C-alpha atoms as a PDB file:
ATOM      1  CA  GLN A   1      34.689   7.502  22.104  1.00  0.00           C
ATOM      2  CA  ALA A   2      35.639   4.909  19.568  1.00  0.00           C
ATOM      3  CA  GLN A   3      36.813   6.359  16.281  1.00  0.00           C
ATOM      4  CA  LEU A   4      37.527   5.238  12.761  1.00  0.00           C
ATOM      5  CA  VAL A   5      39.857   7.387  10.640  1.00  0.00           C
ATOM      6  CA  GLU A   6      40.207   6.858   6.890  1.00  0.00           C
ATOM      7  CA  SER A   7      43.196   7.850   4.794  1.00  0.00           C
ATOM      8  CA  GLY A   8      44.652   7.185   1.347  1.00  0.00           C
ATOM      9  CA  GLY A   9      42.104   8.911  -0.836  1.00  0.00           C
ATOM     10  CA  GLY A  10      43.097  11.236  -3.653  1.00  0.00           C
ATOM     11  CA  TRP A  11      43.049  11.854  -7.378  1.00  0.00           C
ATOM     12  CA  VAL A  12      43.966   9.168  -9.915  1.00  0.00           C
ATOM     13  CA  GLN A  13      43.524   8.605 -13.620  1.00  0.00           C
ATOM     14  CA  ALA A  14      41.241   5.854 -14.903  1.00  0.00           C
ATOM     15  CA  GLY A  15      43.012   2.501 -14.763  1.00  0.00           C
ATOM     16  CA  GLY A  16      45.102   3.552 -11.773  1.00  0.00           C
ATOM     17  CA  SER A  17      45.170   2.215  -8.209  1.00  0.00           C
ATOM     18  CA  LEU A  18      44.746   3.540  -4.678  1.00  0.00           C
ATOM     19  CA  ARG A  19      44.854   1.892  -1.256  1.00  0.00           C
ATOM     20  CA  LEU A  20      42.592   3.171   1.460  1.00  0.00           C
ATOM     21  CA  SER A  21      43.294   2.610   5.147  1.00  0.00           C
ATOM     22  CA  CYS A  22      40.954   2.748   8.135  1.00  0.00           C
ATOM     23  CA  ALA A  23      42.558   2.966  11.556  1.00  0.00           C
ATOM     24  CA  ALA A  24      40.471   2.144  14.605  1.00  0.00           C
ATOM     25  CA  SER A  25      41.077   3.786  17.942  1.00  0.00           C
ATOM     26  CA  GLU A  26      40.312   0.791  20.154  1.00  0.00           C
ATOM     27  CA  ARG A  27      41.463  -2.802  20.329  1.00  0.00           C
ATOM     28  CA  THR A  28      37.836  -3.987  20.486  1.00  0.00           C
ATOM     29  CA  PHE A  29      37.507  -3.276  16.777  1.00  0.00           C
ATOM     30  CA  ALA A  30      39.683  -6.343  16.189  1.00  0.00           C
ATOM     31  CA  THR A  31      36.589  -8.448  16.944  1.00  0.00           C
ATOM     32  CA  TYR A  32      34.190  -6.410  14.755  1.00  0.00           C
ATOM     33  CA  PRO A  33      33.200  -7.013  11.168  1.00  0.00           C
ATOM     34  CA  MET A  34      34.325  -4.046   9.062  1.00  0.00           C
ATOM     35  CA  ALA A  35      33.122  -2.604   5.762  1.00  0.00           C
ATOM     36  CA  TRP A  36      33.660   0.076   3.186  1.00  0.00           C
ATOM     37  CA  PHE A  37      30.808   2.097   1.744  1.00  0.00           C
ATOM     38  CA  ARG A  38      30.838   4.980  -0.746  1.00  0.00           C
ATOM     39  CA  GLN A  39      28.699   7.883  -1.744  1.00  0.00           C
ATOM     40  CA  GLY A  40      29.083   9.401  -5.167  1.00  0.00           C
ATOM     41  CA  PRO A  41      27.876  12.843  -6.173  1.00  0.00           C
ATOM     42  CA  GLY A  42      24.089  12.995  -5.991  1.00  0.00           C
ATOM     43  CA  LYS A  43      23.832   9.312  -5.042  1.00  0.00           C
ATOM     44  CA  LYS A  44      22.893   7.332  -1.949  1.00  0.00           C
ATOM     45  CA  ARG A  45      25.585   5.732   0.164  1.00  0.00           C
ATOM     46  CA  GLU A  46      26.226   2.194  -1.116  1.00  0.00           C
ATOM     47  CA  PHE A  47      28.009  -0.945  -0.007  1.00  0.00           C
ATOM     48  CA  VAL A  48      31.449  -1.653  -1.440  1.00  0.00           C
ATOM     49  CA  ALA A  49      33.078  -4.436   0.542  1.00  0.00           C
ATOM     50  CA  ALA A  50      33.012  -6.124   3.928  1.00  0.00           C
ATOM     51  CA  ILE A  51      35.252  -8.447   5.936  1.00  0.00           C
ATOM     52  CA  ASN A  52      34.519 -10.622   8.938  1.00  0.00           C
ATOM     53  CA  TRP A  53      36.332 -10.157  12.234  1.00  0.00           C
ATOM     54  CA  ASN A  54      39.276 -12.463  11.490  1.00  0.00           C
ATOM     55  CA  GLY A  55      39.596 -11.730   7.809  1.00  0.00           C
ATOM     56  CA  GLY A  56      38.473 -15.169   6.706  1.00  0.00           C
ATOM     57  CA  THR A  57      35.395 -14.067   4.817  1.00  0.00           C
ATOM     58  CA  THR A  58      34.857 -11.173   2.417  1.00  0.00           C
ATOM     59  CA  TYR A  59      31.964  -9.766   0.473  1.00  0.00           C
ATOM     60  CA  TYR A  60      31.935  -7.387  -2.501  1.00  0.00           C
ATOM     61  CA  ALA A  61      29.468  -5.385  -4.478  1.00  0.00           C
ATOM     62  CA  ASP A  62      29.183  -6.636  -8.026  1.00  0.00           C
ATOM     63  CA  SER A  63      30.410  -3.293  -9.391  1.00  0.00           C
ATOM     64  CA  VAL A  64      33.834  -3.757  -7.700  1.00  0.00           C
ATOM     65  CA  LYS A  65      34.271  -7.503  -7.712  1.00  0.00           C
ATOM     66  CA  GLY A  66      37.599  -8.506  -9.255  1.00  0.00           C
ATOM     67  CA  ARG A  67      38.982  -4.956  -8.961  1.00  0.00           C
ATOM     68  CA  PHE A  68      38.871  -4.161  -5.222  1.00  0.00           C
ATOM     69  CA  ALA A  69      40.189  -6.202  -2.294  1.00  0.00           C
ATOM     70  CA  ILE A  70      39.435  -5.710   1.391  1.00  0.00           C
ATOM     71  CA  SER A  71      41.825  -6.903   4.062  1.00  0.00           C
ATOM     72  CA  ARG A  72      42.621  -6.265   7.699  1.00  0.00           C
ATOM     73  CA  ASP A  73      45.525  -6.352  10.127  1.00  0.00           C
ATOM     74  CA  ASN A  74      44.082  -6.781  13.594  1.00  0.00           C
ATOM     75  CA  ALA A  75      47.494  -6.261  15.218  1.00  0.00           C
ATOM     76  CA  LYS A  76      47.405  -2.732  13.792  1.00  0.00           C
ATOM     77  CA  ASN A  77      43.664  -2.199  14.236  1.00  0.00           C
ATOM     78  CA  THR A  78      43.532  -1.311  10.541  1.00  0.00           C
ATOM     79  CA  VAL A  79      41.363  -2.293   7.574  1.00  0.00           C
ATOM     80  CA  TYR A  80      42.427  -1.719   3.979  1.00  0.00           C
ATOM     81  CA  LEU A  81      40.732  -1.363   0.619  1.00  0.00           C
ATOM     82  CA  GLN A  82      42.975  -1.948  -2.362  1.00  0.00           C
ATOM     83  CA  MET A  83      41.367  -0.428  -5.438  1.00  0.00           C
ATOM     84  CA  ASN A  84      42.734  -1.372  -8.887  1.00  0.00           C
ATOM     85  CA  SER A  85      41.551  -0.628 -12.421  1.00  0.00           C
ATOM     86  CA  LEU A  86      39.701   2.423 -11.168  1.00  0.00           C
ATOM     87  CA  LYS A  87      36.928   3.912 -13.259  1.00  0.00           C
ATOM     88  CA  PRO A  88      35.397   7.399 -13.254  1.00  0.00           C
ATOM     89  CA  GLU A  89      32.227   5.878 -11.756  1.00  0.00           C
ATOM     90  CA  ASP A  90      34.263   4.924  -8.688  1.00  0.00           C
ATOM     91  CA  THR A  91      34.502   8.601  -7.824  1.00  0.00           C
ATOM     92  CA  ALA A  92      32.984   8.999  -4.373  1.00  0.00           C
ATOM     93  CA  VAL A  93      33.589   9.646  -0.733  1.00  0.00           C
ATOM     94  CA  TYR A  94      34.579   6.338   0.815  1.00  0.00           C
ATOM     95  CA  TYR A  95      33.567   5.538   4.367  1.00  0.00           C
ATOM     96  CA  CYS A  96      34.836   2.909   6.762  1.00  0.00           C
ATOM     97  CA  ALA A  97      32.343   1.275   9.077  1.00  0.00           C
ATOM     98  CA  ALA A  98      32.331  -1.206  11.965  1.00  0.00           C
ATOM     99  CA  SER A  99      29.686  -3.459  13.539  1.00  0.00           C
ATOM    100  CA  PRO A 100      29.782  -4.681  17.155  1.00  0.00           C
ATOM    101  CA  ARG A 101      28.020  -7.947  16.133  1.00  0.00           C
ATOM    102  CA  GLN A 102      31.061 -10.148  15.824  1.00  0.00           C
ATOM    103  CA  TRP A 103      29.315 -13.132  14.165  1.00  0.00           C
ATOM    104  CA  GLN A 104      27.289 -11.233  11.559  1.00  0.00           C
ATOM    105  CA  THR A 105      29.097  -9.559   8.674  1.00  0.00           C
ATOM    106  CA  GLY A 106      26.526  -7.365   6.948  1.00  0.00           C
ATOM    107  CA  THR A 107      26.321  -5.546   3.650  1.00  0.00           C
ATOM    108  CA  THR A 108      23.725  -2.863   4.505  1.00  0.00           C
ATOM    109  CA  LEU A 109      24.226   0.525   6.116  1.00  0.00           C
ATOM    110  CA  GLU A 110      21.838  -0.285   8.959  1.00  0.00           C
ATOM    111  CA  GLU A 111      24.031  -3.118  10.196  1.00  0.00           C
ATOM    112  CA  TYR A 112      26.969  -0.810  10.981  1.00  0.00           C
ATOM    113  CA  GLU A 113      27.101   1.442  14.036  1.00  0.00           C
ATOM    114  CA  TYR A 114      30.524   3.106  13.848  1.00  0.00           C
ATOM    115  CA  TRP A 115      31.509   5.292  10.932  1.00  0.00           C
ATOM    116  CA  GLY A 116      34.551   7.296   9.874  1.00  0.00           C
ATOM    117  CA  GLN A 117      34.427  10.795   8.379  1.00  0.00           C
ATOM    118  CA  GLY A 118      35.183   9.609   4.866  1.00  0.00           C
ATOM    119  CA  THR A 119      37.991  10.110   2.339  1.00  0.00           C
ATOM    120  CA  GLN A 120      37.485  11.503  -1.183  1.00  0.00           C
ATOM    121  CA  VAL A 121      38.449   9.398  -4.212  1.00  0.00           C
ATOM    122  CA  THR A 122      38.355  11.079  -7.584  1.00  0.00           C
ATOM    123  CA  VAL A 123      38.990   9.132 -10.798  1.00  0.00           C
ATOM    124  CA  SER A 124      39.447  11.150 -13.993  1.00  0.00           C
ATOM    125  CA  SER A 125      38.891   9.795 -17.483  1.00  0.00           C
END
């Protein structure tokens, strides 16, 4: 069964940086749009960033625009989320997701069919 495994989460002070990675278990993910979502304490899961299958197009939530950057290395079946200037409100479990619809890069939960288990990011003030 296809799997997505996130890593790179942890604890950081406000203003710091972290880089999350999402490794896919199958080569087919190289043709899939990928995204990051997050779920903070007591909150619904929300969109963070998405990237199309070849990395040429990216989308960001307004709350992270200019601070976060999504990228991918299809040769390594891996997607990254570089997070800079972190704020306490960025504290959440971050999830990697993939969609089998190669030509449609979505920003909603319903558009993604494969999900990782999540990695915790904690930002202290």
